[in-house]
Every structure is written in structure tokens, then in C-alpha cells.
């Protein structure tokens, strides 16, 4: 799961950059995980990305039985505004 969380954050940063924004412009996060306990063990990855920006957007973490793509364990959606 750790690798998928890193990849999701990389993808989020890339999408935001394409829109002329960054993680600091994030106003909300929705996170879906097939194993909430495992996701929480790896939330240091979010802290490493958002912490230096002093950005702590409201977040919802939902446990799900599965995601749309087989093998996908973690999904993140974000709202951002500049």
C-alpha cells in the first residue's frame, strides 16, 4: 500500500501542477482504502508532503471493500483552489 500512496500523491502533485497549483492549494481530501489500518500506518507519507507546506486540508478516510481497478488498495481525490 505504501507504494500506491506515494504514487497517488505523485499523481496528485502532477495534476495540480498542470493546473498551476500545488499541494498547498488543496482544500479537501477524500481517501478510499481497502485496509484502513494499513493506510493509517502509512499516513506519514501525507505528513511528509503536506507538513512542510503547513497545509492540513480537511480529510475523509473511508474504508471500502474494493476499488474499481483490481489490485488497487488506495485512492485519493482532492479539491483545490488557487
PDB file of N, CA and C in Angstrom:
ATOM      1  N   UNK A   1       0.825  -1.192   0.000  1.00  0.00           N
ATOM      2  CA  UNK A   1       0.000   0.000   0.000  1.00  0.00           C
ATOM      3  C   UNK A   1       0.872   1.260   0.000  1.00  0.00           C
ATOM      4  N   UNK A   2       2.013   1.195   0.655  1.00  0.00           N
ATOM      5  CA  UNK A   2       2.875   2.379   0.744  1.00  0.00           C
ATOM      6  C   UNK A   2       3.244   2.905  -0.645  1.00  0.00           C
ATOM      7  N   UNK A   3       3.577   2.006  -1.542  1.00  0.00           N
ATOM      8  CA  UNK A   3       3.911   2.414  -2.900  1.00  0.00           C
ATOM      9  C   UNK A   3       2.740   3.071  -3.612  1.00  0.00           C
ATOM     10  N   UNK A   4       1.537   2.545  -3.395  1.00  0.00           N
ATOM     11  CA  UNK A   4       0.354   3.128  -4.027  1.00  0.00           C
ATOM     12  C   UNK A   4       0.043   4.510  -3.453  1.00  0.00           C
ATOM     13  N   UNK A   5       0.279   4.699  -2.164  1.00  0.00           N
ATOM     14  CA  UNK A   5       0.051   6.018  -1.565  1.00  0.00           C
ATOM     15  C   UNK A   5       1.039   7.020  -2.149  1.00  0.00           C
ATOM     16  N   UNK A   6       2.302   6.630  -2.255  1.00  0.00           N
ATOM     17  CA  UNK A   6       3.307   7.512  -2.861  1.00  0.00           C
ATOM     18  C   UNK A   6       2.935   7.863  -4.291  1.00  0.00           C
ATOM     19  N   UNK A   7       2.511   6.871  -5.058  1.00  0.00           N
ATOM     20  CA  UNK A   7       2.127   7.110  -6.445  1.00  0.00           C
ATOM     21  C   UNK A   7       0.912   8.029  -6.528  1.00  0.00           C
ATOM     22  N   UNK A   8      -0.066   7.814  -5.662  1.00  0.00           N
ATOM     23  CA  UNK A   8      -1.256   8.670  -5.655  1.00  0.00           C
ATOM     24  C   UNK A   8      -0.872  10.120  -5.356  1.00  0.00           C
ATOM     25  N   UNK A   9       0.034  10.319  -4.418  1.00  0.00           N
ATOM     26  CA  UNK A   9       0.473  11.678  -4.091  1.00  0.00           C
ATOM     27  C   UNK A   9       1.289  12.285  -5.231  1.00  0.00           C
ATOM     28  N   UNK A  10       2.126  11.481  -5.882  1.00  0.00           N
ATOM     29  CA  UNK A  10       2.862  11.961  -7.060  1.00  0.00           C
ATOM     30  C   UNK A  10       1.885  12.407  -8.138  1.00  0.00           C
ATOM     31  N   UNK A  11       0.866  11.583  -8.390  1.00  0.00           N
ATOM     32  CA  UNK A  11      -0.127  11.913  -9.410  1.00  0.00           C
ATOM     33  C   UNK A  11      -0.904  13.169  -9.040  1.00  0.00           C
ATOM     34  N   UNK A  12      -1.257  13.297  -7.762  1.00  0.00           N
ATOM     35  CA  UNK A  12      -1.973  14.489  -7.313  1.00  0.00           C
ATOM     36  C   UNK A  12      -1.123  15.734  -7.544  1.00  0.00           C
ATOM     37  N   UNK A  13       0.147  15.661  -7.183  1.00  0.00           N
ATOM     38  CA  UNK A  13       1.029  16.813  -7.400  1.00  0.00           C
ATOM     39  C   UNK A  13       1.146  17.153  -8.886  1.00  0.00           C
ATOM     40  N   UNK A  14       1.203  16.146  -9.743  1.00  0.00           N
ATOM     41  CA  UNK A  14       1.316  16.377 -11.185  1.00  0.00           C
ATOM     42  C   UNK A  14       0.061  17.042 -11.739  1.00  0.00           C
ATOM     43  N   UNK A  15      -1.094  16.583 -11.313  1.00  0.00           N
ATOM     44  CA  UNK A  15      -2.356  17.165 -11.790  1.00  0.00           C
ATOM     45  C   UNK A  15      -2.478  18.610 -11.312  1.00  0.00           C
ATOM     46  N   UNK A  16      -2.139  18.840 -10.056  1.00  0.00           N
ATOM     47  CA  UNK A  16      -2.197  20.206  -9.527  1.00  0.00           C
ATOM     48  C   UNK A  16      -1.214  21.113 -10.261  1.00  0.00           C
ATOM     49  N   UNK A  17      -0.008  20.624 -10.525  1.00  0.00           N
ATOM     50  CA  UNK A  17       0.993  21.422 -11.232  1.00  0.00           C
ATOM     51  C   UNK A  17       0.514  21.788 -12.630  1.00  0.00           C
ATOM     52  N   UNK A  18      -0.157  20.861 -13.290  1.00  0.00           N
ATOM     53  CA  UNK A  18      -0.683  21.129 -14.631  1.00  0.00           C
ATOM     54  C   UNK A  18      -1.725  22.243 -14.608  1.00  0.00           C
ATOM     55  N   UNK A  19      -2.363  22.427 -13.456  1.00  0.00           N
ATOM     56  CA  UNK A  19      -3.366  23.486 -13.303  1.00  0.00           C
ATOM     57  C   UNK A  19      -2.758  24.739 -12.670  1.00  0.00           C
ATOM     58  N   UNK A  20      -1.431  24.763 -12.527  1.00  0.00           N
ATOM     59  CA  UNK A  20      -0.763  25.912 -11.942  1.00  0.00           C
ATOM     60  C   UNK A  20      -0.921  26.006 -10.434  1.00  0.00           C
ATOM     61  N   UNK A  21      -1.153  24.871  -9.791  1.00  0.00           N
ATOM     62  CA  UNK A  21      -1.337  24.837  -8.343  1.00  0.00           C
ATOM     63  C   UNK A  21      -0.398  23.810  -7.729  1.00  0.00           C
ATOM     64  N   UNK A  22      -0.432  23.729  -6.412  1.00  0.00           N
ATOM     65  CA  UNK A  22       0.365  22.747  -5.689  1.00  0.00           C
ATOM     66  C   UNK A  22      -0.431  22.183  -4.536  1.00  0.00           C
ATOM     67  N   UNK A  23       0.197  21.323  -3.764  1.00  0.00           N
ATOM     68  CA  UNK A  23      -0.491  20.707  -2.629  1.00  0.00           C
ATOM     69  C   UNK A  23      -1.019  21.746  -1.647  1.00  0.00           C
ATOM     70  N   UNK A  24      -0.346  22.879  -1.536  1.00  0.00           N
ATOM     71  CA  UNK A  24      -0.787  23.938  -0.641  1.00  0.00           C
ATOM     72  C   UNK A  24      -2.118  24.545  -1.025  1.00  0.00           C
ATOM     73  N   UNK A  25      -2.563  24.290  -2.246  1.00  0.00           N
ATOM     74  CA  UNK A  25      -3.861  24.798  -2.712  1.00  0.00           C
ATOM     75  C   UNK A  25      -4.994  23.815  -2.453  1.00  0.00           C
ATOM     76  N   UNK A  26      -4.678  22.679  -1.873  1.00  0.00           N
ATOM     77  CA  UNK A  26      -5.685  21.651  -1.596  1.00  0.00           C
ATOM     78  C   UNK A  26      -6.614  22.123  -0.485  1.00  0.00           C
ATOM     79  N   UNK A  27      -7.908  22.015  -0.731  1.00  0.00           N
ATOM     80  CA  UNK A  27      -8.897  22.447   0.265  1.00  0.00           C
ATOM     81  C   UNK A  27      -9.655  21.277   0.881  1.00  0.00           C
ATOM     82  N   UNK A  28      -9.531  20.084   0.286  1.00  0.00           N
ATOM     83  CA  UNK A  28     -10.223  18.902   0.819  1.00  0.00           C
ATOM     84  C   UNK A  28      -9.610  17.661   0.208  1.00  0.00           C
ATOM     85  N   UNK A  29      -9.520  16.603   1.015  1.00  0.00           N
ATOM     86  CA  UNK A  29      -9.065  15.302   0.528  1.00  0.00           C
ATOM     87  C   UNK A  29     -10.116  14.249   0.851  1.00  0.00           C
ATOM     88  N   UNK A  30     -10.377  13.393  -0.110  1.00  0.00           N
ATOM     89  CA  UNK A  30     -11.196  12.205   0.102  1.00  0.00           C
ATOM     90  C   UNK A  30     -10.304  11.005  -0.168  1.00  0.00           C
ATOM     91  N   UNK A  31     -10.174  10.142   0.805  1.00  0.00           N
ATOM     92  CA  UNK A  31      -9.281   8.994   0.672  1.00  0.00           C
ATOM     93  C   UNK A  31     -10.086   7.716   0.848  1.00  0.00           C
ATOM     94  N   UNK A  32      -9.856   6.775  -0.050  1.00  0.00           N
ATOM     95  CA  UNK A  32     -10.528   5.480  -0.023  1.00  0.00           C
ATOM     96  C   UNK A  32      -9.453   4.412   0.103  1.00  0.00           C
ATOM     97  N   UNK A  33      -9.626   3.506   1.046  1.00  0.00           N
ATOM     98  CA  UNK A  33      -8.622   2.464   1.267  1.00  0.00           C
ATOM     99  C   UNK A  33      -9.305   1.134   1.543  1.00  0.00           C
ATOM    100  N   UNK A  34      -8.726   0.073   0.993  1.00  0.00           N
ATOM    101  CA  UNK A  34      -9.278  -1.261   1.235  1.00  0.00           C
ATOM    102  C   UNK A  34      -8.868  -1.795   2.601  1.00  0.00           C
ATOM    103  N   UNK A  35      -7.871  -1.181   3.223  1.00  0.00           N
ATOM    104  CA  UNK A  35      -7.432  -1.557   4.573  1.00  0.00           C
ATOM    105  C   UNK A  35      -7.096  -0.267   5.320  1.00  0.00           C
ATOM    106  N   UNK A  36      -8.036   0.217   6.110  1.00  0.00           N
ATOM    107  CA  UNK A  36      -7.868   1.495   6.805  1.00  0.00           C
ATOM    108  C   UNK A  36      -6.672   1.455   7.753  1.00  0.00           C
ATOM    109  N   UNK A  37      -6.504   0.367   8.490  1.00  0.00           N
ATOM    110  CA  UNK A  37      -5.380   0.278   9.423  1.00  0.00           C
ATOM    111  C   UNK A  37      -4.046   0.387   8.694  1.00  0.00           C
ATOM    112  N   UNK A  38      -3.930  -0.283   7.569  1.00  0.00           N
ATOM    113  CA  UNK A  38      -2.688  -0.225   6.790  1.00  0.00           C
ATOM    114  C   UNK A  38      -2.485   1.178   6.220  1.00  0.00           C
ATOM    115  N   UNK A  39      -3.553   1.802   5.766  1.00  0.00           N
ATOM    116  CA  UNK A  39      -3.444   3.172   5.256  1.00  0.00           C
ATOM    117  C   UNK A  39      -2.947   4.104   6.353  1.00  0.00           C
ATOM    118  N   UNK A  40      -3.519   3.989   7.535  1.00  0.00           N
ATOM    119  CA  UNK A  40      -3.121   4.860   8.645  1.00  0.00           C
ATOM    120  C   UNK A  40      -1.660   4.661   9.036  1.00  0.00           C
ATOM    121  N   UNK A  41      -1.158   3.445   8.916  1.00  0.00           N
ATOM    122  CA  UNK A  41       0.256   3.181   9.210  1.00  0.00           C
ATOM    123  C   UNK A  41       1.176   3.958   8.269  1.00  0.00           C
ATOM    124  N   UNK A  42       0.650   4.322   7.107  1.00  0.00           N
ATOM    125  CA  UNK A  42       1.454   4.982   6.081  1.00  0.00           C
ATOM    126  C   UNK A  42       1.110   6.455   5.902  1.00  0.00           C
ATOM    127  N   UNK A  43       0.346   7.006   6.821  1.00  0.00           N
ATOM    128  CA  UNK A  43      -0.041   8.409   6.696  1.00  0.00           C
ATOM    129  C   UNK A  43       1.129   9.360   6.925  1.00  0.00           C
ATOM    130  N   UNK A  44       2.264   8.827   7.359  1.00  0.00           N
ATOM    131  CA  UNK A  44       3.447   9.675   7.442  1.00  0.00           C
ATOM    132  C   UNK A  44       3.807  10.220   6.065  1.00  0.00           C
ATOM    133  N   UNK A  45       3.425   9.505   5.013  1.00  0.00           N
ATOM    134  CA  UNK A  45       3.692   9.971   3.654  1.00  0.00           C
ATOM    135  C   UNK A  45       2.928  11.256   3.358  1.00  0.00           C
ATOM    136  N   UNK A  46       1.696  11.344   3.821  1.00  0.00           N
ATOM    137  CA  UNK A  46       0.929  12.578   3.647  1.00  0.00           C
ATOM    138  C   UNK A  46       1.548  13.697   4.473  1.00  0.00           C
ATOM    139  N   UNK A  47       1.959  13.368   5.689  1.00  0.00           N
ATOM    140  CA  UNK A  47       2.577  14.377   6.555  1.00  0.00           C
ATOM    141  C   UNK A  47       3.858  14.921   5.927  1.00  0.00           C
ATOM    142  N   UNK A  48       4.633  14.052   5.281  1.00  0.00           N
ATOM    143  CA  UNK A  48       5.881  14.492   4.653  1.00  0.00           C
ATOM    144  C   UNK A  48       5.619  15.445   3.494  1.00  0.00           C
ATOM    145  N   UNK A  49       4.495  15.265   2.812  1.00  0.00           N
ATOM    146  CA  UNK A  49       4.191  16.127   1.664  1.00  0.00           C
ATOM    147  C   UNK A  49       3.492  17.419   2.080  1.00  0.00           C
ATOM    148  N   UNK A  50       2.507  17.296   2.970  1.00  0.00           N
ATOM    149  CA  UNK A  50       1.707  18.458   3.344  1.00  0.00           C
ATOM    150  C   UNK A  50       2.321  19.247   4.501  1.00  0.00           C
ATOM    151  N   UNK A  51       3.030  18.572   5.400  1.00  0.00           N
ATOM    152  CA  UNK A  51       3.577  19.217   6.592  1.00  0.00           C
ATOM    153  C   UNK A  51       4.462  20.423   6.317  1.00  0.00           C
ATOM    154  N   UNK A  52       5.464  20.298   5.436  1.00  0.00           N
ATOM    155  CA  UNK A  52       6.340  21.441   5.168  1.00  0.00           C
ATOM    156  C   UNK A  52       5.593  22.648   4.594  1.00  0.00           C
ATOM    157  N   UNK A  53       4.434  22.402   4.002  1.00  0.00           N
ATOM    158  CA  UNK A  53       3.630  23.487   3.431  1.00  0.00           C
ATOM    159  C   UNK A  53       2.703  24.103   4.467  1.00  0.00           C
ATOM    160  N   UNK A  54       2.709  23.521   5.671  1.00  0.00           N
ATOM    161  CA  UNK A  54       1.782  23.930   6.729  1.00  0.00           C
ATOM    162  C   UNK A  54       0.347  23.921   6.208  1.00  0.00           C
ATOM    163  N   UNK A  55       0.047  22.880   5.462  1.00  0.00           N
ATOM    164  CA  UNK A  55      -1.269  22.692   4.856  1.00  0.00           C
ATOM    165  C   UNK A  55      -1.888  21.432   5.449  1.00  0.00           C
ATOM    166  N   UNK A  56      -3.056  21.591   6.037  1.00  0.00           N
ATOM    167  CA  UNK A  56      -3.762  20.448   6.623  1.00  0.00           C
ATOM    168  C   UNK A  56      -5.220  20.501   6.183  1.00  0.00           C
ATOM    169  N   UNK A  57      -5.481  20.109   4.921  1.00  0.00           N
ATOM    170  CA  UNK A  57      -6.861  20.186   4.439  1.00  0.00           C
ATOM    171  C   UNK A  57      -7.757  19.196   5.173  1.00  0.00           C
ATOM    172  N   UNK A  58      -9.047  19.522   5.294  1.00  0.00           N
ATOM    173  CA  UNK A  58      -9.981  18.553   5.859  1.00  0.00           C
ATOM    174  C   UNK A  58      -9.910  17.260   5.051  1.00  0.00           C
ATOM    175  N   UNK A  59     -10.042  16.147   5.733  1.00  0.00           N
ATOM    176  CA  UNK A  59      -9.867  14.858   5.083  1.00  0.00           C
ATOM    177  C   UNK A  59     -10.913  13.865   5.569  1.00  0.00           C
ATOM    178  N   UNK A  60     -11.391  13.065   4.644  1.00  0.00           N
ATOM    179  CA  UNK A  60     -12.261  11.946   4.978  1.00  0.00           C
ATOM    180  C   UNK A  60     -11.557  10.677   4.531  1.00  0.00           C
ATOM    181  N   UNK A  61     -11.448   9.718   5.424  1.00  0.00           N
ATOM    182  CA  UNK A  61     -10.860   8.414   5.108  1.00  0.00           C
ATOM    183  C   UNK A  61     -11.970   7.386   5.194  1.00  0.00           C
ATOM    184  N   UNK A  62     -12.246   6.741   4.075  1.00  0.00           N
ATOM    185  CA  UNK A  62     -13.301   5.739   4.020  1.00  0.00           C
ATOM    186  C   UNK A  62     -12.717   4.367   3.730  1.00  0.00           C
ATOM    187  N   UNK A  63     -13.117   3.396   4.510  1.00  0.00           N
ATOM    188  CA  UNK A  63     -12.752   2.016   4.229  1.00  0.00           C
ATOM    189  C   UNK A  63     -13.736   1.429   3.233  1.00  0.00           C
ATOM    190  N   UNK A  64     -13.211   0.782   2.215  1.00  0.00           N
ATOM    191  CA  UNK A  64     -14.044   0.180   1.175  1.00  0.00           C
ATOM    192  C   UNK A  64     -13.645  -1.283   0.991  1.00  0.00           C
ATOM    193  N   UNK A  65     -14.557  -2.080   0.483  1.00  0.00           N
ATOM    194  CA  UNK A  65     -14.238  -3.490   0.271  1.00  0.00           C
ATOM    195  C   UNK A  65     -13.359  -3.695  -0.960  1.00  0.00           C
ATOM    196  N   UNK A  66     -13.492  -2.802  -1.941  1.00  0.00           N
ATOM    197  CA  UNK A  66     -12.634  -2.860  -3.126  1.00  0.00           C
ATOM    198  C   UNK A  66     -12.748  -1.545  -3.876  1.00  0.00           C
ATOM    199  N   UNK A  67     -11.797  -1.349  -4.782  1.00  0.00           N
ATOM    200  CA  UNK A  67     -11.800  -0.172  -5.639  1.00  0.00           C
ATOM    201  C   UNK A  67     -11.993  -0.629  -7.082  1.00  0.00           C
ATOM    202  N   UNK A  68     -12.155   0.311  -7.992  1.00  0.00           N
ATOM    203  CA  UNK A  68     -12.552  -0.009  -9.365  1.00  0.00           C
ATOM    204  C   UNK A  68     -11.536  -0.864 -10.120  1.00  0.00           C
ATOM    205  N   UNK A  69     -10.262  -0.668  -9.860  1.00  0.00           N
ATOM    206  CA  UNK A  69      -9.215  -1.392 -10.575  1.00  0.00           C
ATOM    207  C   UNK A  69      -8.715  -2.541  -9.695  1.00  0.00           C
ATOM    208  N   UNK A  70      -8.717  -3.770 -10.211  1.00  0.00           N
ATOM    209  CA  UNK A  70      -8.216  -4.890  -9.409  1.00  0.00           C
ATOM    210  C   UNK A  70      -6.796  -4.617  -8.905  1.00  0.00           C
ATOM    211  N   UNK A  71      -6.564  -4.890  -7.640  1.00  0.00           N
ATOM    212  CA  UNK A  71      -5.253  -4.672  -7.048  1.00  0.00           C
ATOM    213  C   UNK A  71      -5.046  -3.283  -6.468  1.00  0.00           C
ATOM    214  N   UNK A  72      -5.957  -2.370  -6.773  1.00  0.00           N
ATOM    215  CA  UNK A  72      -5.848  -1.019  -6.228  1.00  0.00           C
ATOM    216  C   UNK A  72      -6.269  -1.041  -4.769  1.00  0.00           C
ATOM    217  N   UNK A  73      -5.411  -0.511  -3.902  1.00  0.00           N
ATOM    218  CA  UNK A  73      -5.648  -0.534  -2.462  1.00  0.00           C
ATOM    219  C   UNK A  73      -5.964   0.840  -1.898  1.00  0.00           C
ATOM    220  N   UNK A  74      -5.598   1.888  -2.630  1.00  0.00           N
ATOM    221  CA  UNK A  74      -5.667   3.251  -2.105  1.00  0.00           C
ATOM    222  C   UNK A  74      -6.025   4.200  -3.236  1.00  0.00           C
ATOM    223  N   UNK A  75      -6.927   5.105  -2.958  1.00  0.00           N
ATOM    224  CA  UNK A  75      -7.322   6.107  -3.949  1.00  0.00           C
ATOM    225  C   UNK A  75      -7.504   7.428  -3.228  1.00  0.00           C
ATOM    226  N   UNK A  76      -7.108   8.500  -3.884  1.00  0.00           N
ATOM    227  CA  UNK A  76      -7.248   9.822  -3.286  1.00  0.00           C
ATOM    228  C   UNK A  76      -7.926  10.749  -4.284  1.00  0.00           C
ATOM    229  N   UNK A  77      -8.849  11.554  -3.780  1.00  0.00           N
ATOM    230  CA  UNK A  77      -9.440  12.610  -4.593  1.00  0.00           C
ATOM    231  C   UNK A  77      -9.245  13.907  -3.828  1.00  0.00           C
ATOM    232  N   UNK A  78      -9.079  14.975  -4.561  1.00  0.00           N
ATOM    233  CA  UNK A  78      -8.793  16.250  -3.909  1.00  0.00           C
ATOM    234  C   UNK A  78      -9.572  17.370  -4.566  1.00  0.00           C
ATOM    235  N   UNK A  79      -9.882  18.361  -3.768  1.00  0.00           N
ATOM    236  CA  UNK A  79     -10.426  19.619  -4.249  1.00  0.00           C
ATOM    237  C   UNK A  79      -9.361  20.665  -3.961  1.00  0.00           C
ATOM    238  N   UNK A  80      -9.122  21.529  -4.932  1.00  0.00           N
ATOM    239  CA  UNK A  80      -8.108  22.566  -4.752  1.00  0.00           C
ATOM    240  C   UNK A  80      -8.618  23.871  -5.346  1.00  0.00           C
ATOM    241  N   UNK A  81      -8.137  24.964  -4.806  1.00  0.00           N
ATOM    242  CA  UNK A  81      -8.489  26.289  -5.311  1.00  0.00           C
ATOM    243  C   UNK A  81      -7.284  27.198  -5.129  1.00  0.00           C
ATOM    244  N   UNK A  82      -7.087  28.044  -6.119  1.00  0.00           N
ATOM    245  CA  UNK A  82      -5.958  28.981  -6.002  1.00  0.00           C
ATOM    246  C   UNK A  82      -6.461  30.380  -5.739  1.00  0.00           C
TER     247      UNK A  82
END
